[in-house]
Amino acid sequence: MNWNDAAEDLLHQVLGQTPYPVREATEAQLRAVAEGIADDEGKRRVGVETVILAWVRCTPETLKPDLPRLMDKFGLDPADYGHLLE
């Protein structure tokens, strides 16, 4: 499956905040979930919104309260994704 450049950039930003020992596994998981979401939606390309959804789904519950801060750090408006964080 193809990924647009902005989606790849966001993935790498997320991975940059991931502890090194689990970074490869996290990348594999995020890619698989994002591509699964895109496939389920009939898309041929993974975009930023799909990466965000995969990121939220893959984040452990104990770490989810930190997602709005990270979204803001990455230039995303957490208010736009509040429905995913509930």
C-alpha atoms as a PDB file:
ATOM      1  CA  MET A   1       0.000   0.000   0.000  1.00  0.00           C
ATOM      2  CA  ASN A   2       1.211   3.503  -0.783  1.00  0.00           C
ATOM      3  CA  TRP A   3       1.720   6.167   1.847  1.00  0.00           C
ATOM      4  CA  ASN A   4       1.641   9.873   1.090  1.00  0.00           C
ATOM      5  CA  ASP A   5       4.622  11.939   2.217  1.00  0.00           C
ATOM      6  CA  ALA A   6       2.758  13.701   5.020  1.00  0.00           C
ATOM      7  CA  ALA A   7       1.615  10.354   6.444  1.00  0.00           C
ATOM      8  CA  GLU A   8       5.189   9.033   6.384  1.00  0.00           C
ATOM      9  CA  ASP A   9       6.408  12.224   8.063  1.00  0.00           C
ATOM     10  CA  LEU A  10       3.836  11.906  10.849  1.00  0.00           C
ATOM     11  CA  LEU A  11       4.699   8.235  11.335  1.00  0.00           C
ATOM     12  CA  HIS A  12       8.367   9.165  11.765  1.00  0.00           C
ATOM     13  CA  GLN A  13       7.482  11.927  14.227  1.00  0.00           C
ATOM     14  CA  VAL A  14       5.487   9.436  16.301  1.00  0.00           C
ATOM     15  CA  LEU A  15       8.311   6.914  16.133  1.00  0.00           C
ATOM     16  CA  GLY A  16      10.746   9.611  17.250  1.00  0.00           C
ATOM     17  CA  GLN A  17       8.814   9.751  20.538  1.00  0.00           C
ATOM     18  CA  THR A  18       8.825   5.966  20.911  1.00  0.00           C
ATOM     19  CA  PRO A  19      11.460   4.305  23.099  1.00  0.00           C
ATOM     20  CA  TYR A  20      14.161   2.818  20.906  1.00  0.00           C
ATOM     21  CA  PRO A  21      13.828  -0.794  22.134  1.00  0.00           C
ATOM     22  CA  VAL A  22      10.221  -0.984  20.898  1.00  0.00           C
ATOM     23  CA  ARG A  23      10.473   1.364  17.921  1.00  0.00           C
ATOM     24  CA  GLU A  24      10.667  -1.322  15.210  1.00  0.00           C
ATOM     25  CA  ALA A  25       7.749  -3.277  16.651  1.00  0.00           C
ATOM     26  CA  THR A  26       5.751  -0.066  17.028  1.00  0.00           C
ATOM     27  CA  GLU A  27       6.446   0.888  13.422  1.00  0.00           C
ATOM     28  CA  ALA A  28       5.331  -2.519  12.185  1.00  0.00           C
ATOM     29  CA  GLN A  29       2.165  -2.332  14.279  1.00  0.00           C
ATOM     30  CA  LEU A  30       1.297   1.231  13.194  1.00  0.00           C
ATOM     31  CA  ARG A  31       1.891   0.418   9.532  1.00  0.00           C
ATOM     32  CA  ALA A  32      -0.241  -2.727   9.712  1.00  0.00           C
ATOM     33  CA  VAL A  33      -3.101  -0.987  11.516  1.00  0.00           C
ATOM     34  CA  ALA A  34      -3.005   2.075   9.229  1.00  0.00           C
ATOM     35  CA  GLU A  35      -2.956  -0.060   6.096  1.00  0.00           C
ATOM     36  CA  GLY A  36      -5.790  -2.184   7.474  1.00  0.00           C
ATOM     37  CA  ILE A  37      -7.880   0.920   8.143  1.00  0.00           C
ATOM     38  CA  ALA A  38      -7.175   2.280   4.661  1.00  0.00           C
ATOM     39  CA  ASP A  39      -8.013  -1.069   3.100  1.00  0.00           C
ATOM     40  CA  ASP A  40     -11.269  -1.312   5.081  1.00  0.00           C
ATOM     41  CA  GLU A  41     -12.189   2.157   3.806  1.00  0.00           C
ATOM     42  CA  GLY A  42     -11.415   1.163   0.217  1.00  0.00           C
ATOM     43  CA  LYS A  43      -8.434   3.514  -0.024  1.00  0.00           C
ATOM     44  CA  ARG A  44      -5.274   2.779  -1.983  1.00  0.00           C
ATOM     45  CA  ARG A  45      -3.126   5.196  -0.024  1.00  0.00           C
ATOM     46  CA  VAL A  46      -2.513   5.869   3.644  1.00  0.00           C
ATOM     47  CA  GLY A  47      -2.972   9.512   4.581  1.00  0.00           C
ATOM     48  CA  VAL A  48      -2.400  11.571   7.708  1.00  0.00           C
ATOM     49  CA  GLU A  49      -5.904  11.030   9.106  1.00  0.00           C
ATOM     50  CA  THR A  50      -5.438   7.273   8.828  1.00  0.00           C
ATOM     51  CA  VAL A  51      -2.089   7.441  10.615  1.00  0.00           C
ATOM     52  CA  ILE A  52      -3.670   9.486  13.409  1.00  0.00           C
ATOM     53  CA  LEU A  53      -6.442   6.922  13.827  1.00  0.00           C
ATOM     54  CA  ALA A  54      -3.925   4.048  13.865  1.00  0.00           C
ATOM     55  CA  TRP A  55      -1.744   5.938  16.359  1.00  0.00           C
ATOM     56  CA  VAL A  56      -4.655   6.472  18.732  1.00  0.00           C
ATOM     57  CA  ARG A  57      -5.803   2.858  18.401  1.00  0.00           C
ATOM     58  CA  CYS A  58      -2.312   1.483  19.049  1.00  0.00           C
ATOM     59  CA  THR A  59      -1.464   3.720  21.994  1.00  0.00           C
ATOM     60  CA  PRO A  60      -1.769   1.928  25.333  1.00  0.00           C
ATOM     61  CA  GLU A  61      -4.555   3.314  27.532  1.00  0.00           C
ATOM     62  CA  THR A  62      -2.081   4.483  30.152  1.00  0.00           C
ATOM     63  CA  LEU A  63      -0.337   6.702  27.570  1.00  0.00           C
ATOM     64  CA  LYS A  64      -3.433   8.130  25.844  1.00  0.00           C
ATOM     65  CA  PRO A  65      -3.700  11.154  28.170  1.00  0.00           C
ATOM     66  CA  ASP A  66      -0.399  12.368  26.657  1.00  0.00           C
ATOM     67  CA  LEU A  67      -1.656  12.222  23.055  1.00  0.00           C
ATOM     68  CA  PRO A  68      -3.114  15.770  22.958  1.00  0.00           C
ATOM     69  CA  ARG A  69       0.264  17.199  23.999  1.00  0.00           C
ATOM     70  CA  LEU A  70       2.057  15.167  21.338  1.00  0.00           C
ATOM     71  CA  MET A  71      -0.500  16.113  18.697  1.00  0.00           C
ATOM     72  CA  ASP A  72       0.070  19.773  19.526  1.00  0.00           C
ATOM     73  CA  LYS A  73       3.826  19.212  19.352  1.00  0.00           C
ATOM     74  CA  PHE A  74       3.405  17.712  15.866  1.00  0.00           C
ATOM     75  CA  GLY A  75       1.351  20.698  14.670  1.00  0.00           C
ATOM     76  CA  LEU A  76      -2.017  18.959  14.938  1.00  0.00           C
ATOM     77  CA  ASP A  77      -5.004  20.472  16.732  1.00  0.00           C
ATOM     78  CA  PRO A  78      -6.010  17.977  19.435  1.00  0.00           C
ATOM     79  CA  ALA A  79      -9.536  19.416  19.423  1.00  0.00           C
ATOM     80  CA  ASP A  80      -9.963  18.007  15.905  1.00  0.00           C
ATOM     81  CA  TYR A  81      -9.357  14.509  17.254  1.00  0.00           C
ATOM     82  CA  GLY A  82     -11.149  14.670  20.591  1.00  0.00           C
ATOM     83  CA  HIS A  83     -13.706  12.127  19.386  1.00  0.00           C
ATOM     84  CA  LEU A  84     -10.877   9.612  18.923  1.00  0.00           C
ATOM     85  CA  LEU A  85      -9.484  10.232  22.381  1.00  0.00           C
ATOM     86  CA  GLU A  86     -12.672   9.592  24.329  1.00  0.00           C
END
